[in-house]
Amino acid sequence: MTVPEAGRVYEVFARGRQRDALTHVGSVRAPDDGLARAYARTTYDEEPWAEMLAVPRDAVIPVLRPGGA
């Protein structure tokens, strides 16, 4: 029997310099916003990021989707 993963999926965006565009760098799963911050910071620490954001996937509003839906 498998144990279901707890928490929400957060999409992680970062920029290397303040003038750079935000770039999607990956995602993390966490039970709350505080742990999402910690997981994002430790998972994607390969760069000296100027800014990093974690957005709950279920809060993202689709504008265009493949197939026109």
N, C-alpha and C. Protein backbone atom coordinates (compact mmCIF):
# COMPACT_ATOMS: atom_id res chain seq x y z
N MET A 1 0.84 -1.17 0.00
CA MET A 1 0.00 0.00 0.00
C MET A 1 0.89 1.24 0.00
N THR A 2 0.54 2.23 -0.83
CA THR A 2 1.31 3.47 -0.88
C THR A 2 0.66 4.53 -0.01
N VAL A 3 1.49 5.39 0.54
CA VAL A 3 1.01 6.48 1.37
C VAL A 3 0.87 7.71 0.49
N PRO A 4 -0.31 8.35 0.44
CA PRO A 4 -0.45 9.54 -0.41
C PRO A 4 0.40 10.68 0.13
N GLU A 5 0.95 11.47 -0.78
CA GLU A 5 1.75 12.62 -0.39
C GLU A 5 0.85 13.70 0.18
N ALA A 6 1.28 14.27 1.28
CA ALA A 6 0.49 15.33 1.93
C ALA A 6 0.90 16.69 1.42
N GLY A 7 -0.02 17.60 1.44
CA GLY A 7 0.31 18.98 1.12
C GLY A 7 -0.09 19.38 -0.29
N ARG A 8 0.20 20.64 -0.56
CA ARG A 8 -0.09 21.25 -1.86
C ARG A 8 1.17 21.28 -2.70
N VAL A 9 0.96 21.38 -4.00
CA VAL A 9 2.08 21.58 -4.92
C VAL A 9 2.25 23.09 -5.12
N TYR A 10 3.47 23.56 -5.00
CA TYR A 10 3.81 24.97 -5.21
C TYR A 10 4.74 25.06 -6.40
N GLU A 11 4.45 25.97 -7.32
CA GLU A 11 5.33 26.25 -8.44
C GLU A 11 6.32 27.31 -7.98
N VAL A 12 7.60 27.11 -8.32
CA VAL A 12 8.66 27.99 -7.84
C VAL A 12 9.22 28.80 -9.00
N PHE A 13 9.28 30.11 -8.82
CA PHE A 13 9.81 31.04 -9.80
C PHE A 13 10.95 31.82 -9.17
N ALA A 14 11.96 32.16 -9.97
CA ALA A 14 13.09 32.92 -9.43
C ALA A 14 13.71 33.80 -10.51
N ARG A 15 14.50 34.77 -10.06
CA ARG A 15 15.28 35.60 -10.97
C ARG A 15 16.67 35.78 -10.37
N GLY A 16 17.67 35.75 -11.25
CA GLY A 16 19.06 35.87 -10.82
C GLY A 16 19.45 37.30 -10.47
N ARG A 17 18.95 38.23 -11.24
CA ARG A 17 19.19 39.66 -11.00
C ARG A 17 17.85 40.36 -10.99
N GLN A 18 17.78 41.46 -10.29
CA GLN A 18 16.50 42.15 -10.15
C GLN A 18 15.88 42.54 -11.49
N ARG A 19 16.70 42.83 -12.48
CA ARG A 19 16.18 43.25 -13.79
C ARG A 19 15.78 42.06 -14.68
N ASP A 20 16.12 40.85 -14.28
CA ASP A 20 15.77 39.65 -15.05
C ASP A 20 14.29 39.32 -14.89
N ALA A 21 13.75 38.64 -15.87
CA ALA A 21 12.38 38.15 -15.78
C ALA A 21 12.31 36.97 -14.81
N LEU A 22 11.16 36.79 -14.18
CA LEU A 22 10.96 35.60 -13.36
C LEU A 22 10.94 34.37 -14.27
N THR A 23 11.55 33.30 -13.81
CA THR A 23 11.63 32.06 -14.57
C THR A 23 11.13 30.92 -13.70
N HIS A 24 10.34 30.04 -14.29
CA HIS A 24 9.89 28.86 -13.55
C HIS A 24 11.08 27.93 -13.37
N VAL A 25 11.42 27.61 -12.11
CA VAL A 25 12.57 26.75 -11.85
C VAL A 25 12.19 25.36 -11.38
N GLY A 26 10.90 25.16 -11.05
CA GLY A 26 10.47 23.83 -10.63
C GLY A 26 9.28 23.90 -9.70
N SER A 27 9.07 22.83 -8.95
CA SER A 27 7.96 22.78 -8.02
C SER A 27 8.35 22.00 -6.77
N VAL A 28 7.62 22.24 -5.69
CA VAL A 28 7.80 21.50 -4.44
C VAL A 28 6.42 21.15 -3.90
N ARG A 29 6.37 20.14 -3.06
CA ARG A 29 5.12 19.77 -2.37
C ARG A 29 5.37 20.02 -0.89
N ALA A 30 4.43 20.73 -0.25
CA ALA A 30 4.59 21.07 1.16
C ALA A 30 3.22 21.15 1.84
N PRO A 31 3.17 20.90 3.15
CA PRO A 31 1.90 20.96 3.87
C PRO A 31 1.43 22.38 4.16
N ASP A 32 2.34 23.38 4.07
CA ASP A 32 1.93 24.75 4.34
C ASP A 32 2.91 25.72 3.67
N ASP A 33 2.53 27.01 3.67
CA ASP A 33 3.33 28.03 2.98
C ASP A 33 4.73 28.16 3.56
N GLY A 34 4.85 28.07 4.88
CA GLY A 34 6.17 28.20 5.52
C GLY A 34 7.13 27.12 5.08
N LEU A 35 6.66 25.88 5.04
CA LEU A 35 7.53 24.79 4.58
C LEU A 35 7.77 24.88 3.08
N ALA A 36 6.80 25.39 2.32
CA ALA A 36 7.02 25.58 0.89
C ALA A 36 8.20 26.53 0.67
N ARG A 37 8.28 27.61 1.46
CA ARG A 37 9.41 28.54 1.36
C ARG A 37 10.73 27.82 1.64
N ALA A 38 10.75 27.05 2.72
CA ALA A 38 11.96 26.34 3.10
C ALA A 38 12.36 25.30 2.05
N TYR A 39 11.39 24.53 1.56
CA TYR A 39 11.70 23.51 0.56
C TYR A 39 12.18 24.14 -0.74
N ALA A 40 11.55 25.23 -1.16
CA ALA A 40 11.97 25.90 -2.40
C ALA A 40 13.38 26.43 -2.27
N ARG A 41 13.67 27.07 -1.15
CA ARG A 41 15.01 27.65 -0.95
C ARG A 41 16.09 26.57 -0.94
N THR A 42 15.84 25.45 -0.26
CA THR A 42 16.86 24.41 -0.18
C THR A 42 16.94 23.56 -1.45
N THR A 43 15.81 23.39 -2.15
CA THR A 43 15.80 22.57 -3.36
C THR A 43 16.46 23.29 -4.54
N TYR A 44 16.23 24.59 -4.64
CA TYR A 44 16.71 25.35 -5.80
C TYR A 44 17.77 26.37 -5.38
N ASP A 45 18.73 25.93 -4.57
CA ASP A 45 19.77 26.82 -4.05
C ASP A 45 21.03 26.86 -4.91
N GLU A 46 20.96 26.35 -6.14
CA GLU A 46 22.15 26.28 -6.99
C GLU A 46 22.58 27.64 -7.53
N GLU A 47 21.72 28.63 -7.42
CA GLU A 47 22.02 29.98 -7.90
C GLU A 47 21.90 30.97 -6.75
N PRO A 48 22.61 32.09 -6.83
CA PRO A 48 22.41 33.16 -5.84
C PRO A 48 21.24 34.05 -6.28
N TRP A 49 20.02 33.56 -6.13
CA TRP A 49 18.84 34.24 -6.64
C TRP A 49 18.64 35.61 -5.99
N ALA A 50 18.21 36.58 -6.78
CA ALA A 50 17.84 37.90 -6.26
C ALA A 50 16.43 37.85 -5.68
N GLU A 51 15.58 36.96 -6.24
CA GLU A 51 14.20 36.83 -5.78
C GLU A 51 13.70 35.43 -6.10
N MET A 52 12.88 34.90 -5.21
CA MET A 52 12.27 33.58 -5.43
C MET A 52 10.85 33.63 -4.89
N LEU A 53 9.91 33.07 -5.64
CA LEU A 53 8.51 33.02 -5.25
C LEU A 53 8.00 31.59 -5.33
N ALA A 54 7.14 31.22 -4.40
CA ALA A 54 6.46 29.92 -4.44
C ALA A 54 4.96 30.21 -4.48
N VAL A 55 4.30 29.71 -5.52
CA VAL A 55 2.88 29.97 -5.74
C VAL A 55 2.13 28.64 -5.69
N PRO A 56 1.09 28.55 -4.86
CA PRO A 56 0.31 27.31 -4.87
C PRO A 56 -0.22 27.04 -6.28
N ARG A 57 -0.01 25.83 -6.76
CA ARG A 57 -0.44 25.50 -8.12
C ARG A 57 -1.93 25.73 -8.31
N ASP A 58 -2.73 25.45 -7.29
CA ASP A 58 -4.17 25.62 -7.44
C ASP A 58 -4.60 27.10 -7.43
N ALA A 59 -3.66 28.02 -7.21
CA ALA A 59 -3.96 29.46 -7.26
C ALA A 59 -3.60 30.08 -8.61
N VAL A 60 -2.96 29.30 -9.47
CA VAL A 60 -2.56 29.81 -10.79
C VAL A 60 -3.80 29.86 -11.68
N ILE A 61 -3.98 30.99 -12.35
CA ILE A 61 -5.13 31.19 -13.23
C ILE A 61 -4.69 30.99 -14.68
N PRO A 62 -5.16 29.93 -15.35
CA PRO A 62 -4.79 29.72 -16.74
C PRO A 62 -5.35 30.85 -17.62
N VAL A 63 -4.54 31.32 -18.53
CA VAL A 63 -4.95 32.35 -19.49
C VAL A 63 -5.12 31.71 -20.86
N LEU A 64 -4.14 30.98 -21.30
CA LEU A 64 -4.21 30.20 -22.55
C LEU A 64 -3.79 28.79 -22.23
N ARG A 65 -4.40 27.82 -22.87
CA ARG A 65 -4.04 26.42 -22.66
C ARG A 65 -3.81 25.76 -24.01
N PRO A 66 -2.98 24.72 -24.05
CA PRO A 66 -2.81 23.97 -25.29
C PRO A 66 -4.17 23.44 -25.78
N GLY A 67 -4.42 23.52 -27.04
CA GLY A 67 -5.68 23.05 -27.60
C GLY A 67 -6.78 24.08 -27.58
N GLY A 68 -6.49 25.29 -27.10
CA GLY A 68 -7.45 26.37 -27.14
C GLY A 68 -8.51 26.37 -26.06
N ALA A 69 -8.43 25.47 -25.11
CA ALA A 69 -9.45 25.40 -24.03
C ALA A 69 -9.18 26.41 -22.95
